[in-house]
Amino acid sequence: MALETIKAIILGVIQGLTEFLPVSSSGHIELAEYFLKIENLAQDEITLTLILHLATALSTIVVFRKRIMQLVRDLFSSDKSARMYALLIALSMIPAGLVGVFFEDQLDALMSEKIWLVGIALLLTAALLYLADRDWKNVKNINMPSALMMGAAQMVALTPGVSRSGATISTGLISGLQRSVATEFSFLMVLPLILGKVGLDLVSGDFSSSAMSLDLLWAFLAAFIVGVLACRWMIALVKKSRLIYFAMYCLIMGSFAIVHHIWIA
């Protein structure tokens, strides 16, 4: 197997695992590209990012396919509470959507190859996970304040190193949501954003079909397959209150990134 193909599979596995586990997919992709020198896997970085995120979006659709179909039916239901859930998902998208549209390029430029900033963001993720794993009264269903709080957390998680799933699930738990409710809402609320981003890239021409390769197909398949497994694993872990282990992992990885930067500076 060619070296570039192995690199592609590594990136796909990292994306599939870390998109759902609360350890930051963007942060780990940055670290992988930095330490393994795999930043040139695709001719177009936007194409690589889009392929990986599309793969994990499809993983979410597979795992939550029944719930998603129910949400689509609820949009045309006379049940106000059923329609409200879909509205809350739309509401939660607004903060991250605005930042993504207006500041995505600046954020990427700020964080690119600056692993010490990724390290600091991982430490923030560790702190959120530690707080969320405490004994909160998790009895609520999703409501407007908690949806907005999780939306704000998703906005912060656009920073590489801040875990999207970790930040949103932790925020939901701290606000008092039931663990299963917080986890499901966290995974569903990102779907419209990813699919919307894919659509915008296709329309705007940012996506380059000429940058596609067999290696990117391997990356896509690895991210999709691992993503399905990781998504189901994460649902089970949150129910069992095991976030503290991921907090420790993020603490170690974040500290390593900062120490490495100081060592080579």
Foldseek 3Di string as FASTA:
>chain_A
DDPLLVLLLVLLQLLLQQLQQQFFSLQVSLVCCLPVVNCPSWVANVQLVLLSLVLLLVLLCVQCVVVVVQLVVLCVDPDPVSVVLVVLLVVLQPLQLVCCVPPLVVLCVVPHNLLLQLLVLLLVLLVLLVQLLDDAQADDADDNVLSNQLSVQCNVSSRGNRHNQSSQLSSNSNVRHHNLRSLNSSSVSCSVVSVVVSVVCVVVVSHDPVRDDVSSVSSSVSSNVSNNVNSVVSSVCSNVSPSNVSSVVSNVSSVVSNVVVVVVD
